[in-house]
Structures are given as C-alpha cells and as structure tokens.
C-alpha cells in the first residue's frame, strides 16, 4: 500500500484527536515524542 499524503494527514489528525482525548481525561503519557509515534 502506498503511503499517500491523504493517508498521512488522516493518521496525523487521528493522533491529535487521541492526544486531545487523553489530555481532557487527565490521562498522562510521559513518552509521547516523534520517534515513538512515527512509523
């Protein structure tokens, strides 16, 4: 499967939504950094 800009954008938006959810629910993940979330 080719990794297109559209797919890259969709994954980025999903990641942002996940982090917002964690923040709103006072859930802390201390190791969120680019090498961990990039694949």
Protein backbone atom coordinates (compact mmCIF):
# COMPACT_ATOMS: atom_id res chain seq x y z
CA UNK A 1 0.00 0.00 0.00
CA UNK A 2 1.36 3.39 -0.96
CA UNK A 3 1.60 5.89 1.87
CA UNK A 4 -0.03 8.97 0.35
CA UNK A 5 -0.33 12.50 1.69
CA UNK A 6 -4.03 11.88 2.33
CA UNK A 7 -3.30 8.84 4.46
CA UNK A 8 -0.51 10.69 6.26
CA UNK A 9 -2.92 13.56 7.05
CA UNK A 10 -5.60 11.16 8.29
CA UNK A 11 -3.13 9.47 10.64
CA UNK A 12 -1.90 12.84 11.92
CA UNK A 13 -5.44 14.01 12.67
CA UNK A 14 -6.20 10.73 14.43
CA UNK A 15 -3.08 11.08 16.57
CA UNK A 16 -4.00 14.65 17.52
CA UNK A 17 -7.51 13.51 18.47
CA UNK A 18 -6.06 10.76 20.67
CA UNK A 19 -3.75 13.18 22.49
CA UNK A 20 -6.63 15.64 22.99
CA UNK A 21 -8.77 12.84 24.45
CA UNK A 22 -6.01 11.82 26.85
CA UNK A 23 -5.48 15.43 27.94
CA UNK A 24 -9.21 16.05 28.51
CA UNK A 25 -9.48 12.91 30.64
CA UNK A 26 -6.38 13.69 32.72
CA UNK A 27 -4.52 10.68 31.36
CA UNK A 28 -0.78 11.26 31.22
CA UNK A 29 1.60 9.55 28.85
CA UNK A 30 5.08 10.87 29.51
CA UNK A 31 6.77 9.35 26.48
CA UNK A 32 4.94 10.92 23.53
CA UNK A 33 7.64 12.10 21.17
CA UNK A 34 8.21 11.90 17.41
CA UNK A 35 10.30 8.69 17.30
CA UNK A 36 7.64 6.89 19.33
CA UNK A 37 4.61 7.93 17.26
CA UNK A 38 6.17 7.95 13.80
CA UNK A 39 6.18 4.70 11.88
